[in-house]
Amino acid sequence: MSTRERKELAALAKMPDAAIDTSDIPEITDWSKAQVGRFYRPIKQPVTIRLDADVIAWFKETAPQYQTAVNAVLRAFMERQVAANDAGRLQKPKRKRG
């Protein structure tokens, strides 16, 4: 990015939203074809985790990319817990001190 472009972006960032002319940009009113998370790619972190052998065997049999499938199951569980917590039903688990 050039110095000129940086200056332009800095000037735009300082402007209030109402001062920015968006008349040449059509307003989006139909979001039915929007794809949530299309460009979101969380950072993967390698970990060592001990799981039951039958659980791993089942994932390997049912999903060619079993690690991705395990991650999807864990993410779904996490999202349910977060949603329930946001609704005030659950508290965050407390860490045991050692």
PDB file of N, CA and C in Angstrom:
ATOM      1  N   MET A   1       0.855  -1.175   0.000  1.00  0.00           N
ATOM      2  CA  MET A   1       0.000   0.000   0.000  1.00  0.00           C
ATOM      3  C   MET A   1       0.900   1.236   0.000  1.00  0.00           C
ATOM      4  N   SER A   2       0.555   2.161  -0.843  1.00  0.00           N
ATOM      5  CA  SER A   2       1.377   3.361  -0.977  1.00  0.00           C
ATOM      6  C   SER A   2       1.087   4.346   0.161  1.00  0.00           C
ATOM      7  N   THR A   3       1.967   5.312   0.297  1.00  0.00           N
ATOM      8  CA  THR A   3       1.800   6.355   1.316  1.00  0.00           C
ATOM      9  C   THR A   3       0.535   7.148   1.054  1.00  0.00           C
ATOM     10  N   ARG A   4       0.265   7.433  -0.227  1.00  0.00           N
ATOM     11  CA  ARG A   4      -0.937   8.191  -0.591  1.00  0.00           C
ATOM     12  C   ARG A   4      -2.197   7.423  -0.181  1.00  0.00           C
ATOM     13  N   GLU A   5      -2.202   6.112  -0.442  1.00  0.00           N
ATOM     14  CA  GLU A   5      -3.362   5.299  -0.078  1.00  0.00           C
ATOM     15  C   GLU A   5      -3.549   5.249   1.435  1.00  0.00           C
ATOM     16  N   ARG A   6      -2.461   5.157   2.164  1.00  0.00           N
ATOM     17  CA  ARG A   6      -2.548   5.162   3.626  1.00  0.00           C
ATOM     18  C   ARG A   6      -3.143   6.465   4.142  1.00  0.00           C
ATOM     19  N   LYS A   7      -2.723   7.580   3.533  1.00  0.00           N
ATOM     20  CA  LYS A   7      -3.252   8.886   3.949  1.00  0.00           C
ATOM     21  C   LYS A   7      -4.740   8.977   3.653  1.00  0.00           C
ATOM     22  N   GLU A   8      -5.170   8.481   2.483  1.00  0.00           N
ATOM     23  CA  GLU A   8      -6.592   8.501   2.125  1.00  0.00           C
ATOM     24  C   GLU A   8      -7.406   7.678   3.110  1.00  0.00           C
ATOM     25  N   LEU A   9      -6.917   6.496   3.443  1.00  0.00           N
ATOM     26  CA  LEU A   9      -7.628   5.636   4.388  1.00  0.00           C
ATOM     27  C   LEU A   9      -7.686   6.269   5.775  1.00  0.00           C
ATOM     28  N   ALA A  10      -6.615   6.899   6.185  1.00  0.00           N
ATOM     29  CA  ALA A  10      -6.601   7.565   7.482  1.00  0.00           C
ATOM     30  C   ALA A  10      -7.611   8.707   7.505  1.00  0.00           C
ATOM     31  N   ALA A  11      -7.686   9.461   6.412  1.00  0.00           N
ATOM     32  CA  ALA A  11      -8.650  10.562   6.333  1.00  0.00           C
ATOM     33  C   ALA A  11     -10.079  10.031   6.362  1.00  0.00           C
ATOM     34  N   LEU A  12     -10.335   8.941   5.656  1.00  0.00           N
ATOM     35  CA  LEU A  12     -11.673   8.347   5.668  1.00  0.00           C
ATOM     36  C   LEU A  12     -12.033   7.826   7.053  1.00  0.00           C
ATOM     37  N   ALA A  13     -11.079   7.238   7.739  1.00  0.00           N
ATOM     38  CA  ALA A  13     -11.340   6.694   9.068  1.00  0.00           C
ATOM     39  C   ALA A  13     -11.734   7.789  10.051  1.00  0.00           C
ATOM     40  N   LYS A  14     -11.236   8.998   9.839  1.00  0.00           N
ATOM     41  CA  LYS A  14     -11.546  10.117  10.731  1.00  0.00           C
ATOM     42  C   LYS A  14     -12.921  10.719  10.457  1.00  0.00           C
ATOM     43  N   MET A  15     -13.466  10.478   9.245  1.00  0.00           N
ATOM     44  CA  MET A  15     -14.752  11.071   8.879  1.00  0.00           C
ATOM     45  C   MET A  15     -15.906  10.352   9.571  1.00  0.00           C
ATOM     46  N   PRO A  16     -16.936  11.106   9.986  1.00  0.00           N
ATOM     47  CA  PRO A  16     -18.131  10.450  10.517  1.00  0.00           C
ATOM     48  C   PRO A  16     -18.870   9.736   9.375  1.00  0.00           C
ATOM     49  N   ASP A  17     -19.567   8.664   9.697  1.00  0.00           N
ATOM     50  CA  ASP A  17     -20.277   7.889   8.677  1.00  0.00           C
ATOM     51  C   ASP A  17     -21.215   8.752   7.838  1.00  0.00           C
ATOM     52  N   ALA A  18     -21.893   9.698   8.470  1.00  0.00           N
ATOM     53  CA  ALA A  18     -22.867  10.536   7.759  1.00  0.00           C
ATOM     54  C   ALA A  18     -22.199  11.400   6.689  1.00  0.00           C
ATOM     55  N   ALA A  19     -20.911  11.658   6.812  1.00  0.00           N
ATOM     56  CA  ALA A  19     -20.217  12.516   5.860  1.00  0.00           C
ATOM     57  C   ALA A  19     -19.710  11.749   4.634  1.00  0.00           C
ATOM     58  N   ILE A  20     -19.797  10.429   4.669  1.00  0.00           N
ATOM     59  CA  ILE A  20     -19.311   9.618   3.546  1.00  0.00           C
ATOM     60  C   ILE A  20     -20.421   9.453   2.530  1.00  0.00           C
ATOM     61  N   ASP A  21     -20.142   9.811   1.272  1.00  0.00           N
ATOM     62  CA  ASP A  21     -21.127   9.737   0.189  1.00  0.00           C
ATOM     63  C   ASP A  21     -21.215   8.295  -0.308  1.00  0.00           C
ATOM     64  N   THR A  22     -22.356   7.656  -0.074  1.00  0.00           N
ATOM     65  CA  THR A  22     -22.570   6.285  -0.548  1.00  0.00           C
ATOM     66  C   THR A  22     -23.670   6.218  -1.604  1.00  0.00           C
ATOM     67  N   SER A  23     -23.969   7.353  -2.251  1.00  0.00           N
ATOM     68  CA  SER A  23     -25.066   7.401  -3.212  1.00  0.00           C
ATOM     69  C   SER A  23     -24.813   6.520  -4.440  1.00  0.00           C
ATOM     70  N   ASP A  24     -23.569   6.209  -4.731  1.00  0.00           N
ATOM     71  CA  ASP A  24     -23.278   5.375  -5.905  1.00  0.00           C
ATOM     72  C   ASP A  24     -23.210   3.881  -5.553  1.00  0.00           C
ATOM     73  N   ILE A  25     -23.525   3.552  -4.302  1.00  0.00           N
ATOM     74  CA  ILE A  25     -23.503   2.161  -3.862  1.00  0.00           C
ATOM     75  C   ILE A  25     -24.942   1.755  -3.541  1.00  0.00           C
ATOM     76  N   PRO A  26     -25.479   0.764  -4.241  1.00  0.00           N
ATOM     77  CA  PRO A  26     -26.865   0.372  -3.955  1.00  0.00           C
ATOM     78  C   PRO A  26     -26.970  -0.298  -2.585  1.00  0.00           C
ATOM     79  N   GLU A  27     -28.046   0.001  -1.879  1.00  0.00           N
ATOM     80  CA  GLU A  27     -28.268  -0.609  -0.577  1.00  0.00           C
ATOM     81  C   GLU A  27     -28.678  -2.067  -0.767  1.00  0.00           C
ATOM     82  N   ILE A  28     -28.122  -2.950   0.032  1.00  0.00           N
ATOM     83  CA  ILE A  28     -28.481  -4.360  -0.046  1.00  0.00           C
ATOM     84  C   ILE A  28     -29.682  -4.598   0.852  1.00  0.00           C
ATOM     85  N   THR A  29     -30.765  -5.085   0.252  1.00  0.00           N
ATOM     86  CA  THR A  29     -31.971  -5.363   1.029  1.00  0.00           C
ATOM     87  C   THR A  29     -32.291  -6.854   1.068  1.00  0.00           C
ATOM     88  N   ASP A  30     -31.728  -7.618   0.134  1.00  0.00           N
ATOM     89  CA  ASP A  30     -31.976  -9.058   0.081  1.00  0.00           C
ATOM     90  C   ASP A  30     -30.707  -9.803   0.479  1.00  0.00           C
ATOM     91  N   TRP A  31     -30.694 -10.359   1.681  1.00  0.00           N
ATOM     92  CA  TRP A  31     -29.533 -11.089   2.200  1.00  0.00           C
ATOM     93  C   TRP A  31     -29.732 -12.597   2.099  1.00  0.00           C
ATOM     94  N   SER A  32     -30.743 -13.053   1.326  1.00  0.00           N
ATOM     95  CA  SER A  32     -31.071 -14.479   1.295  1.00  0.00           C
ATOM     96  C   SER A  32     -29.949 -15.341   0.711  1.00  0.00           C
ATOM     97  N   LYS A  33     -29.103 -14.769  -0.121  1.00  0.00           N
ATOM     98  CA  LYS A  33     -28.014 -15.549  -0.728  1.00  0.00           C
ATOM     99  C   LYS A  33     -26.667 -15.314  -0.033  1.00  0.00           C
ATOM    100  N   ALA A  34     -26.697 -14.640   1.109  1.00  0.00           N
ATOM    101  CA  ALA A  34     -25.464 -14.390   1.851  1.00  0.00           C
ATOM    102  C   ALA A  34     -24.934 -15.700   2.424  1.00  0.00           C
ATOM    103  N   GLN A  35     -23.625 -15.827   2.474  1.00  0.00           N
ATOM    104  CA  GLN A  35     -22.986 -17.022   3.008  1.00  0.00           C
ATOM    105  C   GLN A  35     -22.238 -16.645   4.283  1.00  0.00           C
ATOM    106  N   VAL A  36     -22.760 -17.122   5.402  1.00  0.00           N
ATOM    107  CA  VAL A  36     -22.148 -16.825   6.688  1.00  0.00           C
ATOM    108  C   VAL A  36     -20.843 -17.599   6.820  1.00  0.00           C
ATOM    109  N   GLY A  37     -19.797 -16.904   7.200  1.00  0.00           N
ATOM    110  CA  GLY A  37     -18.523 -17.555   7.441  1.00  0.00           C
ATOM    111  C   GLY A  37     -17.744 -17.947   6.213  1.00  0.00           C
ATOM    112  N   ARG A  38     -18.142 -17.479   5.054  1.00  0.00           N
ATOM    113  CA  ARG A  38     -17.481 -17.878   3.811  1.00  0.00           C
ATOM    114  C   ARG A  38     -15.997 -17.540   3.821  1.00  0.00           C
ATOM    115  N   PHE A  39     -15.632 -16.415   4.364  1.00  0.00           N
ATOM    116  CA  PHE A  39     -14.240 -15.987   4.360  1.00  0.00           C
ATOM    117  C   PHE A  39     -13.569 -16.165   5.716  1.00  0.00           C
ATOM    118  N   TYR A  40     -14.306 -16.701   6.669  1.00  0.00           N
ATOM    119  CA  TYR A  40     -13.750 -16.903   8.005  1.00  0.00           C
ATOM    120  C   TYR A  40     -13.044 -18.253   8.055  1.00  0.00           C
ATOM    121  N   ARG A  41     -11.777 -18.235   8.354  1.00  0.00           N
ATOM    122  CA  ARG A  41     -11.009 -19.462   8.499  1.00  0.00           C
ATOM    123  C   ARG A  41     -10.247 -19.388   9.818  1.00  0.00           C
ATOM    124  N   PRO A  42     -10.773 -20.060  10.836  1.00  0.00           N
ATOM    125  CA  PRO A  42     -10.088 -19.979  12.125  1.00  0.00           C
ATOM    126  C   PRO A  42      -8.694 -20.597  12.039  1.00  0.00           C
ATOM    127  N   ILE A  43      -7.814 -20.089  12.844  1.00  0.00           N
ATOM    128  CA  ILE A  43      -6.451 -20.609  12.900  1.00  0.00           C
ATOM    129  C   ILE A  43      -6.497 -21.976  13.554  1.00  0.00           C
ATOM    130  N   LYS A  44      -5.858 -22.935  12.932  1.00  0.00           N
ATOM    131  CA  LYS A  44      -5.788 -24.282  13.494  1.00  0.00           C
ATOM    132  C   LYS A  44      -4.573 -24.368  14.406  1.00  0.00           C
ATOM    133  N   GLN A  45      -4.740 -25.067  15.509  1.00  0.00           N
ATOM    134  CA  GLN A  45      -3.658 -25.242  16.463  1.00  0.00           C
ATOM    135  C   GLN A  45      -3.468 -26.742  16.693  1.00  0.00           C
ATOM    136  N   PRO A  46      -2.284 -27.254  16.399  1.00  0.00           N
ATOM    137  CA  PRO A  46      -2.065 -28.682  16.646  1.00  0.00           C
ATOM    138  C   PRO A  46      -2.034 -28.965  18.144  1.00  0.00           C
ATOM    139  N   VAL A  47      -2.739 -30.022  18.536  1.00  0.00           N
ATOM    140  CA  VAL A  47      -2.777 -30.412  19.941  1.00  0.00           C
ATOM    141  C   VAL A  47      -2.663 -31.936  20.040  1.00  0.00           C
ATOM    142  N   THR A  48      -2.280 -32.390  21.196  1.00  0.00           N
ATOM    143  CA  THR A  48      -2.311 -33.811  21.487  1.00  0.00           C
ATOM    144  C   THR A  48      -3.444 -34.027  22.469  1.00  0.00           C
ATOM    145  N   ILE A  49      -4.348 -34.923  22.125  1.00  0.00           N
ATOM    146  CA  ILE A  49      -5.511 -35.177  22.978  1.00  0.00           C
ATOM    147  C   ILE A  49      -5.738 -36.681  23.024  1.00  0.00           C
ATOM    148  N   ARG A  50      -6.069 -37.166  24.174  1.00  0.00           N
ATOM    149  CA  ARG A  50      -6.309 -38.598  24.327  1.00  0.00           C
ATOM    150  C   ARG A  50      -7.811 -38.843  24.243  1.00  0.00           C
ATOM    151  N   LEU A  51      -8.207 -39.627  23.243  1.00  0.00           N
ATOM    152  CA  LEU A  51      -9.611 -39.971  23.041  1.00  0.00           C
ATOM    153  C   LEU A  51      -9.749 -41.486  23.044  1.00  0.00           C
ATOM    154  N   ASP A  52     -10.955 -41.957  23.343  1.00  0.00           N
ATOM    155  CA  ASP A  52     -11.196 -43.396  23.336  1.00  0.00           C
ATOM    156  C   ASP A  52     -10.989 -43.961  21.929  1.00  0.00           C
ATOM    157  N   ALA A  53     -10.390 -45.135  21.863  1.00  0.00           N
ATOM    158  CA  ALA A  53     -10.058 -45.759  20.581  1.00  0.00           C
ATOM    159  C   ALA A  53     -11.302 -45.999  19.722  1.00  0.00           C
ATOM    160  N   ASP A  54     -12.421 -46.392  20.355  1.00  0.00           N
ATOM    161  CA  ASP A  54     -13.628 -46.651  19.571  1.00  0.00           C
ATOM    162  C   ASP A  54     -14.202 -45.363  18.973  1.00  0.00           C
ATOM    163  N   VAL A  55     -14.016 -44.250  19.673  1.00  0.00           N
ATOM    164  CA  VAL A  55     -14.483 -42.958  19.154  1.00  0.00           C
ATOM    165  C   VAL A  55     -13.681 -42.588  17.907  1.00  0.00           C
ATOM    166  N   ILE A  56     -12.362 -42.707  17.993  1.00  0.00           N
ATOM    167  CA  ILE A  56     -11.509 -42.403  16.835  1.00  0.00           C
ATOM    168  C   ILE A  56     -11.816 -43.350  15.687  1.00  0.00           C
ATOM    169  N   ALA A  57     -11.980 -44.645  15.986  1.00  0.00           N
ATOM    170  CA  ALA A  57     -12.285 -45.627  14.933  1.00  0.00           C
ATOM    171  C   ALA A  57     -13.593 -45.264  14.230  1.00  0.00           C
ATOM    172  N   TRP A  58     -14.598 -44.851  15.004  1.00  0.00           N
ATOM    173  CA  TRP A  58     -15.881 -44.501  14.410  1.00  0.00           C
ATOM    174  C   TRP A  58     -15.738 -43.288  13.484  1.00  0.00           C
ATOM    175  N   PHE A  59     -15.033 -42.260  13.947  1.00  0.00           N
ATOM    176  CA  PHE A  59     -14.837 -41.072  13.105  1.00  0.00           C
ATOM    177  C   PHE A  59     -14.061 -41.429  11.843  1.00  0.00           C
ATOM    178  N   LYS A  60     -13.029 -42.268  11.955  1.00  0.00           N
ATOM    179  CA  LYS A  60     -12.241 -42.649  10.785  1.00  0.00           C
ATOM    180  C   LYS A  60     -13.079 -43.438   9.777  1.00  0.00           C
ATOM    181  N   GLU A  61     -14.019 -44.244  10.270  1.00  0.00           N
ATOM    182  CA  GLU A  61     -14.887 -45.034   9.384  1.00  0.00           C
ATOM    183  C   GLU A  61     -15.933 -44.159   8.697  1.00  0.00           C
ATOM    184  N   THR A  62     -16.420 -43.168   9.385  1.00  0.00           N
ATOM    185  CA  THR A  62     -17.550 -42.389   8.859  1.00  0.00           C
ATOM    186  C   THR A  62     -17.146 -41.114   8.140  1.00  0.00           C
ATOM    187  N   ALA A  63     -15.933 -40.642   8.366  1.00  0.00           N
ATOM    188  CA  ALA A  63     -15.518 -39.373   7.755  1.00  0.00           C
ATOM    189  C   ALA A  63     -14.092 -39.495   7.224  1.00  0.00           C
ATOM    190  N   PRO A  64     -13.906 -39.295   5.913  1.00  0.00           N
ATOM    191  CA  PRO A  64     -12.554 -39.383   5.357  1.00  0.00           C
ATOM    192  C   PRO A  64     -11.593 -38.392   6.020  1.00  0.00           C
ATOM    193  N   GLN A  65     -12.093 -37.221   6.360  1.00  0.00           N
ATOM    194  CA  GLN A  65     -11.279 -36.231   7.066  1.00  0.00           C
ATOM    195  C   GLN A  65     -11.772 -36.198   8.505  1.00  0.00           C
ATOM    196  N   TYR A  66     -11.409 -37.243   9.245  1.00  0.00           N
ATOM    197  CA  TYR A  66     -11.980 -37.418  10.576  1.00  0.00           C
ATOM    198  C   TYR A  66     -11.616 -36.295  11.537  1.00  0.00           C
ATOM    199  N   GLN A  67     -10.428 -35.698  11.388  1.00  0.00           N
ATOM    200  CA  GLN A  67     -10.062 -34.605  12.293  1.00  0.00           C
ATOM    201  C   GLN A  67     -10.984 -33.406  12.092  1.00  0.00           C
ATOM    202  N   THR A  68     -11.347 -33.148  10.845  1.00  0.00           N
ATOM    203  CA  THR A  68     -12.286 -32.061  10.546  1.00  0.00           C
ATOM    204  C   THR A  68     -13.655 -32.373  11.138  1.00  0.00           C
ATOM    205  N   ALA A  69     -14.061 -33.637  11.075  1.00  0.00           N
ATOM    206  CA  ALA A  69     -15.354 -34.039  11.639  1.00  0.00           C
ATOM    207  C   ALA A  69     -15.349 -33.893  13.167  1.00  0.00           C
ATOM    208  N   VAL A  70     -14.265 -34.297  13.814  1.00  0.00           N
ATOM    209  CA  VAL A  70     -14.157 -34.143  15.265  1.00  0.00           C
ATOM    210  C   VAL A  70     -14.222 -32.656  15.627  1.00  0.00           C
ATOM    211  N   ASN A  71     -13.523 -31.834  14.858  1.00  0.00           N
ATOM    212  CA  ASN A  71     -13.546 -30.390  15.112  1.00  0.00           C
ATOM    213  C   ASN A  71     -14.957 -29.838  14.971  1.00  0.00           C
ATOM    214  N   ALA A  72     -15.708 -30.306  13.954  1.00  0.00           N
ATOM    215  CA  ALA A  72     -17.071 -29.826  13.740  1.00  0.00           C
ATOM    216  C   ALA A  72     -17.974 -30.192  14.922  1.00  0.00           C
ATOM    217  N   VAL A  73     -17.810 -31.403  15.452  1.00  0.00           N
ATOM    218  CA  VAL A  73     -18.608 -31.825  16.607  1.00  0.00           C
ATOM    219  C   VAL A  73     -18.269 -30.962  17.823  1.00  0.00           C
ATOM    220  N   LEU A  74     -16.992 -30.746  18.050  1.00  0.00           N
ATOM    221  CA  LEU A  74     -16.578 -29.919  19.186  1.00  0.00           C
ATOM    222  C   LEU A  74     -17.052 -28.476  19.029  1.00  0.00           C
ATOM    223  N   ARG A  75     -16.990 -27.944  17.802  1.00  0.00           N
ATOM    224  CA  ARG A  75     -17.459 -26.578  17.558  1.00  0.00           C
ATOM    225  C   ARG A  75     -18.957 -26.462  17.820  1.00  0.00           C
ATOM    226  N   ALA A  76     -19.735 -27.437  17.351  1.00  0.00           N
ATOM    227  CA  ALA A  76     -21.186 -27.406  17.565  1.00  0.00           C
ATOM    228  C   ALA A  76     -21.503 -27.418  19.063  1.00  0.00           C
ATOM    229  N   PHE A  77     -20.787 -28.265  19.816  1.00  0.00           N
ATOM    230  CA  PHE A  77     -20.980 -28.306  21.266  1.00  0.00           C
ATOM    231  C   PHE A  77     -20.633 -26.955  21.885  1.00  0.00           C
ATOM    232  N   MET A  78     -19.490 -26.397  21.480  1.00  0.00           N
ATOM    233  CA  MET A  78     -19.059 -25.107  22.013  1.00  0.00           C
ATOM    234  C   MET A  78     -20.096 -24.021  21.720  1.00  0.00           C
ATOM    235  N   GLU A  79     -20.601 -23.984  20.493  1.00  0.00           N
ATOM    236  CA  GLU A  79     -21.572 -22.948  20.115  1.00  0.00           C
ATOM    237  C   GLU A  79     -22.870 -23.083  20.897  1.00  0.00           C
ATOM    238  N   ARG A  80     -23.304 -24.330  21.160  1.00  0.00           N
ATOM    239  CA  ARG A  80     -24.503 -24.521  21.992  1.00  0.00           C
ATOM    240  C   ARG A  80     -24.262 -24.017  23.407  1.00  0.00           C
ATOM    241  N   GLN A  81     -23.089 -24.289  23.956  1.00  0.00           N
ATOM    242  CA  GLN A  81     -22.766 -23.833  25.305  1.00  0.00           C
ATOM    243  C   GLN A  81     -22.714 -22.304  25.359  1.00  0.00           C
ATOM    244  N   VAL A  82     -22.104 -21.703  24.357  1.00  0.00           N
ATOM    245  CA  VAL A  82     -22.014 -20.238  24.315  1.00  0.00           C
ATOM    246  C   VAL A  82     -23.406 -19.631  24.212  1.00  0.00           C
ATOM    247  N   ALA A  83     -24.251 -20.200  23.335  1.00  0.00           N
ATOM    248  CA  ALA A  83     -25.614 -19.680  23.179  1.00  0.00           C
ATOM    249  C   ALA A  83     -26.402 -19.825  24.473  1.00  0.00           C
ATOM    250  N   ALA A  84     -26.260 -20.955  25.130  1.00  0.00           N
ATOM    251  CA  ALA A  84     -26.965 -21.167  26.393  1.00  0.00           C
ATOM    252  C   ALA A  84     -26.448 -20.210  27.461  1.00  0.00           C
ATOM    253  N   ASN A  85     -25.151 -19.990  27.472  1.00  0.00           N
ATOM    254  CA  ASN A  85     -24.555 -19.067  28.442  1.00  0.00           C
ATOM    255  C   ASN A  85     -25.043 -17.644  28.181  1.00  0.00           C
ATOM    256  N   ASP A  86     -25.119 -17.267  26.891  1.00  0.00           N
ATOM    257  CA  ASP A  86     -25.602 -15.930  26.546  1.00  0.00           C
ATOM    258  C   ASP A  86     -27.056 -15.747  26.963  1.00  0.00           C
ATOM    259  N   ALA A  87     -27.807 -16.848  26.979  1.00  0.00           N
ATOM    260  CA  ALA A  87     -29.206 -16.777  27.392  1.00  0.00           C
ATOM    261  C   ALA A  87     -29.334 -16.827  28.907  1.00  0.00           C
ATOM    262  N   GLY A  88     -28.210 -16.939  29.608  1.00  0.00           N
ATOM    263  CA  GLY A  88     -28.220 -16.913  31.061  1.00  0.00           C
ATOM    264  C   GLY A  88     -28.484 -18.256  31.713  1.00  0.00           C
ATOM    265  N   ARG A  89     -28.454 -19.353  30.933  1.00  0.00           N
ATOM    266  CA  ARG A  89     -28.769 -20.655  31.511  1.00  0.00           C
ATOM    267  C   ARG A  89     -27.551 -21.349  32.108  1.00  0.00           C
ATOM    268  N   LEU A  90     -26.378 -21.081  31.587  1.00  0.00           N
ATOM    269  CA  LEU A  90     -25.189 -21.787  32.065  1.00  0.00           C
ATOM    270  C   LEU A  90     -24.111 -20.808  32.501  1.00  0.00           C
ATOM    271  N   GLN A  91     -23.331 -21.242  33.406  1.00  0.00           N
ATOM    272  CA  GLN A  91     -22.158 -20.482  33.802  1.00  0.00           C
ATOM    273  C   GLN A  91     -20.940 -21.110  33.137  1.00  0.00           C
ATOM    274  N   LYS A  92     -19.910 -20.323  32.952  1.00  0.00           N
ATOM    275  CA  LYS A  92     -18.675 -20.873  32.424  1.00  0.00           C
ATOM    276  C   LYS A  92     -18.141 -21.894  33.419  1.00  0.00           C
ATOM    277  N   PRO A  93     -17.575 -23.013  32.904  1.00  0.00           N
ATOM    278  CA  PRO A  93     -17.020 -23.993  33.838  1.00  0.00           C
ATOM    279  C   PRO A  93     -15.871 -23.390  34.631  1.00  0.00           C
ATOM    280  N   LYS A  94     -15.813 -23.712  35.895  1.00  0.00           N
ATOM    281  CA  LYS A  94     -14.750 -23.212  36.754  1.00  0.00           C
ATOM    282  C   LYS A  94     -13.589 -24.179  36.690  1.00  0.00           C
ATOM    283  N   ARG A  95     -12.387 -23.627  36.629  1.00  0.00           N
ATOM    284  CA  ARG A  95     -11.203 -24.466  36.590  1.00  0.00           C
ATOM    285  C   ARG A  95     -10.909 -25.007  37.979  1.00  0.00           C
ATOM    286  N   LYS A  96     -10.518 -26.264  37.997  1.00  0.00           N
ATOM    287  CA  LYS A  96     -10.104 -26.867  39.260  1.00  0.00           C
ATOM    288  C   LYS A  96      -8.675 -26.438  39.545  1.00  0.00           C
ATOM    289  N   ARG A  97      -8.437 -26.083  40.746  1.00  0.00           N
ATOM    290  CA  ARG A  97      -7.080 -25.690  41.117  1.00  0.00           C
ATOM    291  C   ARG A  97      -6.399 -26.874  41.775  1.00  0.00           C
ATOM    292  N   GLY A  98      -5.199 -27.115  41.299  1.00  0.00           N
ATOM    293  CA  GLY A  98      -4.520 -28.208  41.632  1.00  0.00           C
ATOM    294  C   GLY A  98      -3.887 -28.823  42.657  1.00  0.00           C
TER     295      GLY A  98
END
